[in-house]
């Protein structure tokens, strides 16, 4: 019975993975890359700005 459950789970996971991979287009990948770059840049500048704001308040 345990072997049957393993085969069923493997089939479900494999089928889901393959159907997802086949539906991803180059446009989706490029869009994701652009969003990651924008997010990283915004995160960096917000961190930098907050560090500047709070370090100047400590000096006062």
PDB file of N, CA and C in Angstrom:
ATOM      1  N   UNK A   1       0.820  -1.186   0.000  1.00  0.00           N
ATOM      2  CA  UNK A   1       0.000   0.000   0.000  1.00  0.00           C
ATOM      3  C   UNK A   1       0.871   1.261   0.000  1.00  0.00           C
ATOM      4  N   UNK A   2       1.996   1.242   0.738  1.00  0.00           N
ATOM      5  CA  UNK A   2       2.884   2.404   0.808  1.00  0.00           C
ATOM      6  C   UNK A   2       3.487   2.708  -0.562  1.00  0.00           C
ATOM      7  N   UNK A   3       3.833   1.676  -1.323  1.00  0.00           N
ATOM      8  CA  UNK A   3       4.400   1.859  -2.655  1.00  0.00           C
ATOM      9  C   UNK A   3       3.385   2.529  -3.568  1.00  0.00           C
ATOM     10  N   UNK A   4       2.133   2.179  -3.444  1.00  0.00           N
ATOM     11  CA  UNK A   4       1.080   2.760  -4.263  1.00  0.00           C
ATOM     12  C   UNK A   4       0.934   4.250  -3.977  1.00  0.00           C
ATOM     13  N   UNK A   5       0.991   4.651  -2.707  1.00  0.00           N
ATOM     14  CA  UNK A   5       0.910   6.061  -2.347  1.00  0.00           C
ATOM     15  C   UNK A   5       2.088   6.847  -2.903  1.00  0.00           C
ATOM     16  N   UNK A   6       3.275   6.249  -2.873  1.00  0.00           N
ATOM     17  CA  UNK A   6       4.463   6.905  -3.392  1.00  0.00           C
ATOM     18  C   UNK A   6       4.336   7.127  -4.899  1.00  0.00           C
ATOM     19  N   UNK A   7       3.839   6.132  -5.617  1.00  0.00           N
ATOM     20  CA  UNK A   7       3.655   6.276  -7.053  1.00  0.00           C
ATOM     21  C   UNK A   7       2.605   7.334  -7.373  1.00  0.00           C
ATOM     22  N   UNK A   8       1.546   7.373  -6.603  1.00  0.00           N
ATOM     23  CA  UNK A   8       0.494   8.365  -6.814  1.00  0.00           C
ATOM     24  C   UNK A   8       1.032   9.769  -6.563  1.00  0.00           C
ATOM     25  N   UNK A   9       1.738   9.940  -5.465  1.00  0.00           N
ATOM     26  CA  UNK A   9       2.315  11.255  -5.157  1.00  0.00           C
ATOM     27  C   UNK A   9       3.328  11.674  -6.210  1.00  0.00           C
ATOM     28  N   UNK A  10       4.166  10.748  -6.650  1.00  0.00           N
ATOM     29  CA  UNK A  10       5.155  11.061  -7.678  1.00  0.00           C
ATOM     30  C   UNK A  10       4.482  11.469  -8.978  1.00  0.00           C
ATOM     31  N   UNK A  11       3.422  10.788  -9.323  1.00  0.00           N
ATOM     32  CA  UNK A  11       2.688  11.122 -10.542  1.00  0.00           C
ATOM     33  C   UNK A  11       2.042  12.487 -10.461  1.00  0.00           C
ATOM     34  N   UNK A  12       1.476  12.815  -9.322  1.00  0.00           N
ATOM     35  CA  UNK A  12       0.826  14.120  -9.157  1.00  0.00           C
ATOM     36  C   UNK A  12       1.864  15.237  -9.194  1.00  0.00           C
ATOM     37  N   UNK A  13       2.960  15.085  -8.451  1.00  0.00           N
ATOM     38  CA  UNK A  13       3.997  16.113  -8.420  1.00  0.00           C
ATOM     39  C   UNK A  13       4.654  16.264  -9.786  1.00  0.00           C
ATOM     40  N   UNK A  14       4.973  15.154 -10.436  1.00  0.00           N
ATOM     41  CA  UNK A  14       5.587  15.211 -11.761  1.00  0.00           C
ATOM     42  C   UNK A  14       4.682  15.829 -12.800  1.00  0.00           C
ATOM     43  N   UNK A  15       3.415  15.473 -12.778  1.00  0.00           N
ATOM     44  CA  UNK A  15       2.468  16.047 -13.731  1.00  0.00           C
ATOM     45  C   UNK A  15       2.265  17.535 -13.518  1.00  0.00           C
ATOM     46  N   UNK A  16       2.174  17.937 -12.268  1.00  0.00           N
ATOM     47  CA  UNK A  16       2.028  19.364 -11.969  1.00  0.00           C
ATOM     48  C   UNK A  16       3.262  20.138 -12.405  1.00  0.00           C
ATOM     49  N   UNK A  17       4.441  19.598 -12.112  1.00  0.00           N
ATOM     50  CA  UNK A  17       5.689  20.253 -12.498  1.00  0.00           C
ATOM     51  C   UNK A  17       5.801  20.388 -14.017  1.00  0.00           C
ATOM     52  N   UNK A  18       5.536  19.317 -14.741  1.00  0.00           N
ATOM     53  CA  UNK A  18       5.661  19.368 -16.197  1.00  0.00           C
ATOM     54  C   UNK A  18       4.631  20.286 -16.836  1.00  0.00           C
ATOM     55  N   UNK A  19       3.403  20.281 -16.335  1.00  0.00           N
ATOM     56  CA  UNK A  19       2.392  21.162 -16.922  1.00  0.00           C
ATOM     57  C   UNK A  19       2.702  22.624 -16.626  1.00  0.00           C
ATOM     58  N   UNK A  20       3.340  22.895 -15.492  1.00  0.00           N
ATOM     59  CA  UNK A  20       3.726  24.271 -15.173  1.00  0.00           C
ATOM     60  C   UNK A  20       4.899  24.713 -16.037  1.00  0.00           C
ATOM     61  N   UNK A  21       5.906  23.864 -16.172  1.00  0.00           N
ATOM     62  CA  UNK A  21       7.090  24.205 -16.960  1.00  0.00           C
ATOM     63  C   UNK A  21       6.721  24.461 -18.420  1.00  0.00           C
ATOM     64  N   UNK A  22       5.820  23.698 -18.956  1.00  0.00           N
ATOM     65  CA  UNK A  22       5.465  23.840 -20.368  1.00  0.00           C
ATOM     66  C   UNK A  22       4.660  25.107 -20.642  1.00  0.00           C
ATOM     67  N   UNK A  23       4.064  25.703 -19.620  1.00  0.00           N
ATOM     68  CA  UNK A  23       3.261  26.907 -19.813  1.00  0.00           C
ATOM     69  C   UNK A  23       4.006  28.193 -19.493  1.00  0.00           C
ATOM     70  N   UNK A  24       5.265  28.113 -19.108  1.00  0.00           N
ATOM     71  CA  UNK A  24       6.050  29.314 -18.831  1.00  0.00           C
ATOM     72  C   UNK A  24       6.679  29.785 -20.137  1.00  0.00           C
ATOM     73  N   UNK A  25       6.435  31.055 -20.456  1.00  0.00           N
ATOM     74  CA  UNK A  25       6.972  31.616 -21.696  1.00  0.00           C
ATOM     75  C   UNK A  25       8.181  32.487 -21.406  1.00  0.00           C
ATOM     76  N   UNK A  26       8.886  32.872 -22.455  1.00  0.00           N
ATOM     77  CA  UNK A  26      10.040  33.763 -22.323  1.00  0.00           C
ATOM     78  C   UNK A  26       9.594  35.116 -21.775  1.00  0.00           C
ATOM     79  N   UNK A  27       8.423  35.559 -22.161  1.00  0.00           N
ATOM     80  CA  UNK A  27       7.880  36.827 -21.652  1.00  0.00           C
ATOM     81  C   UNK A  27       7.724  36.772 -20.134  1.00  0.00           C
ATOM     82  N   UNK A  28       7.236  35.665 -19.612  1.00  0.00           N
ATOM     83  CA  UNK A  28       7.081  35.515 -18.158  1.00  0.00           C
ATOM     84  C   UNK A  28       8.427  35.572 -17.447  1.00  0.00           C
ATOM     85  N   UNK A  29       9.425  34.925 -18.011  1.00  0.00           N
ATOM     86  CA  UNK A  29      10.754  34.914 -17.406  1.00  0.00           C
ATOM     87  C   UNK A  29      11.360  36.314 -17.415  1.00  0.00           C
ATOM     88  N   UNK A  30      11.263  37.022 -18.544  1.00  0.00           N
ATOM     89  CA  UNK A  30      11.804  38.375 -18.636  1.00  0.00           C
ATOM     90  C   UNK A  30      11.087  39.326 -17.688  1.00  0.00           C
ATOM     91  N   UNK A  31       9.777  39.202 -17.588  1.00  0.00           N
ATOM     92  CA  UNK A  31       9.001  40.036 -16.675  1.00  0.00           C
ATOM     93  C   UNK A  31       9.450  39.801 -15.230  1.00  0.00           C
ATOM     94  N   UNK A  32       9.674  38.560 -14.873  1.00  0.00           N
ATOM     95  CA  UNK A  32      10.127  38.228 -13.524  1.00  0.00           C
ATOM     96  C   UNK A  32      11.506  38.806 -13.258  1.00  0.00           C
ATOM     97  N   UNK A  33      12.406  38.709 -14.216  1.00  0.00           N
ATOM     98  CA  UNK A  33      13.754  39.251 -14.054  1.00  0.00           C
ATOM     99  C   UNK A  33      13.705  40.765 -13.860  1.00  0.00           C
ATOM    100  N   UNK A  34      12.890  41.451 -14.657  1.00  0.00           N
ATOM    101  CA  UNK A  34      12.761  42.907 -14.532  1.00  0.00           C
ATOM    102  C   UNK A  34      12.193  43.274 -13.161  1.00  0.00           C
ATOM    103  N   UNK A  35      11.180  42.551 -12.693  1.00  0.00           N
ATOM    104  CA  UNK A  35      10.595  42.838 -11.382  1.00  0.00           C
ATOM    105  C   UNK A  35      11.590  42.594 -10.251  1.00  0.00           C
ATOM    106  N   UNK A  36      12.432  41.573 -10.397  1.00  0.00           N
ATOM    107  CA  UNK A  36      13.453  41.281  -9.381  1.00  0.00           C
ATOM    108  C   UNK A  36      14.473  42.416  -9.324  1.00  0.00           C
ATOM    109  N   UNK A  37      14.900  42.898 -10.470  1.00  0.00           N
ATOM    110  CA  UNK A  37      15.879  43.989 -10.517  1.00  0.00           C
ATOM    111  C   UNK A  37      15.291  45.255  -9.902  1.00  0.00           C
ATOM    112  N   UNK A  38      14.059  45.586 -10.267  1.00  0.00           N
ATOM    113  CA  UNK A  38      13.409  46.769  -9.705  1.00  0.00           C
ATOM    114  C   UNK A  38      13.263  46.633  -8.193  1.00  0.00           C
ATOM    115  N   UNK A  39      12.847  45.480  -7.726  1.00  0.00           N
ATOM    116  CA  UNK A  39      12.699  45.253  -6.294  1.00  0.00           C
ATOM    117  C   UNK A  39      14.009  45.374  -5.550  1.00  0.00           C
ATOM    118  N   UNK A  40      15.075  44.842  -6.107  1.00  0.00           N
ATOM    119  CA  UNK A  40      16.386  44.913  -5.461  1.00  0.00           C
ATOM    120  C   UNK A  40      16.888  46.350  -5.389  1.00  0.00           C
ATOM    121  N   UNK A  41      16.711  47.107  -6.460  1.00  0.00           N
ATOM    122  CA  UNK A  41      17.163  48.504  -6.478  1.00  0.00           C
ATOM    123  C   UNK A  41      16.375  49.335  -5.473  1.00  0.00           C
ATOM    124  N   UNK A  42      15.070  49.176  -5.461  1.00  0.00           N
ATOM    125  CA  UNK A  42      14.233  49.923  -4.514  1.00  0.00           C
ATOM    126  C   UNK A  42      14.591  49.546  -3.080  1.00  0.00           C
ATOM    127  N   UNK A  43      14.769  48.273  -2.815  1.00  0.00           N
ATOM    128  CA  UNK A  43      15.126  47.818  -1.477  1.00  0.00           C
ATOM    129  C   UNK A  43      16.469  48.401  -1.036  1.00  0.00           C
ATOM    130  N   UNK A  44      17.437  48.425  -1.929  1.00  0.00           N
ATOM    131  CA  UNK A  44      18.738  48.988  -1.608  1.00  0.00           C
ATOM    132  C   UNK A  44      18.632  50.457  -1.254  1.00  0.00           C
ATOM    133  N   UNK A  45      17.924  51.239  -2.068  1.00  0.00           N
ATOM    134  CA  UNK A  45      17.841  52.671  -1.819  1.00  0.00           C
ATOM    135  C   UNK A  45      17.010  53.007  -0.586  1.00  0.00           C
ATOM    136  N   UNK A  46      15.976  52.249  -0.307  1.00  0.00           N
ATOM    137  CA  UNK A  46      15.205  52.477   0.912  1.00  0.00           C
ATOM    138  C   UNK A  46      16.059  52.166   2.133  1.00  0.00           C
ATOM    139  N   UNK A  47      16.812  51.090   2.099  1.00  0.00           N
ATOM    140  CA  UNK A  47      17.710  50.751   3.212  1.00  0.00           C
ATOM    141  C   UNK A  47      18.769  51.838   3.398  1.00  0.00           C
ATOM    142  N   UNK A  48      19.342  52.304   2.317  1.00  0.00           N
ATOM    143  CA  UNK A  48      20.353  53.347   2.361  1.00  0.00           C
ATOM    144  C   UNK A  48      19.772  54.649   2.934  1.00  0.00           C
ATOM    145  N   UNK A  49      18.583  55.010   2.488  1.00  0.00           N
ATOM    146  CA  UNK A  49      17.928  56.234   2.963  1.00  0.00           C
ATOM    147  C   UNK A  49      17.592  56.128   4.448  1.00  0.00           C
ATOM    148  N   UNK A  50      17.054  54.994   4.878  1.00  0.00           N
ATOM    149  CA  UNK A  50      16.731  54.817   6.296  1.00  0.00           C
ATOM    150  C   UNK A  50      17.993  54.839   7.161  1.00  0.00           C
ATOM    151  N   UNK A  51      19.072  54.258   6.673  1.00  0.00           N
ATOM    152  CA  UNK A  51      20.322  54.281   7.417  1.00  0.00           C
ATOM    153  C   UNK A  51      20.821  55.717   7.579  1.00  0.00           C
ATOM    154  N   UNK A  52      20.716  56.523   6.507  1.00  0.00           N
ATOM    155  CA  UNK A  52      21.120  57.926   6.566  1.00  0.00           C
ATOM    156  C   UNK A  52      20.255  58.693   7.560  1.00  0.00           C
ATOM    157  N   UNK A  53      18.945  58.494   7.522  1.00  0.00           N
ATOM    158  CA  UNK A  53      18.019  59.217   8.390  1.00  0.00           C
ATOM    159  C   UNK A  53      18.279  58.875   9.853  1.00  0.00           C
ATOM    160  N   UNK A  54      18.405  57.605  10.163  1.00  0.00           N
ATOM    161  CA  UNK A  54      18.558  57.209  11.560  1.00  0.00           C
ATOM    162  C   UNK A  54      19.961  57.436  12.086  1.00  0.00           C
ATOM    163  N   UNK A  55      20.976  57.411  11.228  1.00  0.00           N
ATOM    164  CA  UNK A  55      22.320  57.681  11.727  1.00  0.00           C
ATOM    165  C   UNK A  55      22.486  59.173  11.999  1.00  0.00           C
ATOM    166  N   UNK A  56      21.812  60.039  11.250  1.00  0.00           N
ATOM    167  CA  UNK A  56      21.903  61.474  11.511  1.00  0.00           C
ATOM    168  C   UNK A  56      21.164  61.848  12.787  1.00  0.00           C
ATOM    169  N   UNK A  57      20.115  61.126  13.153  1.00  0.00           N
ATOM    170  CA  UNK A  57      19.389  61.391  14.394  1.00  0.00           C
ATOM    171  C   UNK A  57      20.205  60.966  15.614  1.00  0.00           C
ATOM    172  N   UNK A  58      21.055  59.952  15.483  1.00  0.00           N
ATOM    173  CA  UNK A  58      21.881  59.502  16.603  1.00  0.00           C
ATOM    174  C   UNK A  58      22.959  60.532  16.923  1.00  0.00           C
ATOM    175  N   UNK A  59      23.442  61.243  15.942  1.00  0.00           N
ATOM    176  CA  UNK A  59      24.502  62.222  16.132  1.00  0.00           C
ATOM    177  C   UNK A  59      24.008  63.455  16.882  1.00  0.00           C
ATOM    178  N   UNK A  60      22.727  63.761  16.799  1.00  0.00           N
ATOM    179  CA  UNK A  60      22.189  64.961  17.438  1.00  0.00           C
ATOM    180  C   UNK A  60      22.101  64.842  18.904  1.00  0.00           C
TER     181      UNK A  60
END
